[in-house]
């Protein structure tokens, strides 16, 4: 084997290794992806059983019900549709009705979203970007920092 053939075989081997590593990385990241939905979009989506998603919107007024221990049920709405949510765990301190939230979990066969984590806005001026953009597009949520006439 000549020097040129040895170099080409080393380069080809390195490229094959890098290609395999890249393919495995993209495959692993694709398996962990959580898609973001608003309640109105969720009904039109086709989800695989057990597929993890993020559901965002506002906590619907009058729907927060506390059960045994840390069981909580509530509904997330985008003022168009709402989705019932079941959650077992400690809610963020700022969780309340009318608050912007993102819940992560899976959709059950009975139409209830089973959340395993709930995130609420952390101060008066913050709302998750995806939720704010979707609610602004529907004309439901205005930026609280905008002054009169903005």
Foldseek 3Di string as FASTA:
>chain_A
DDPVVVVVVVVVVVVVVVVVVVVVVVVVVVQPDAAEDEQVVVVVDDDDAFHKHKYKAFFAPPAWDQDPDQWIWTWGHLVPDIFIEIEGDDADPPDDGRWIKIFIGGADPVRYGYGDDMDTDDDDQDHPPVHVVSSVVVVNDDGPPDDPPD
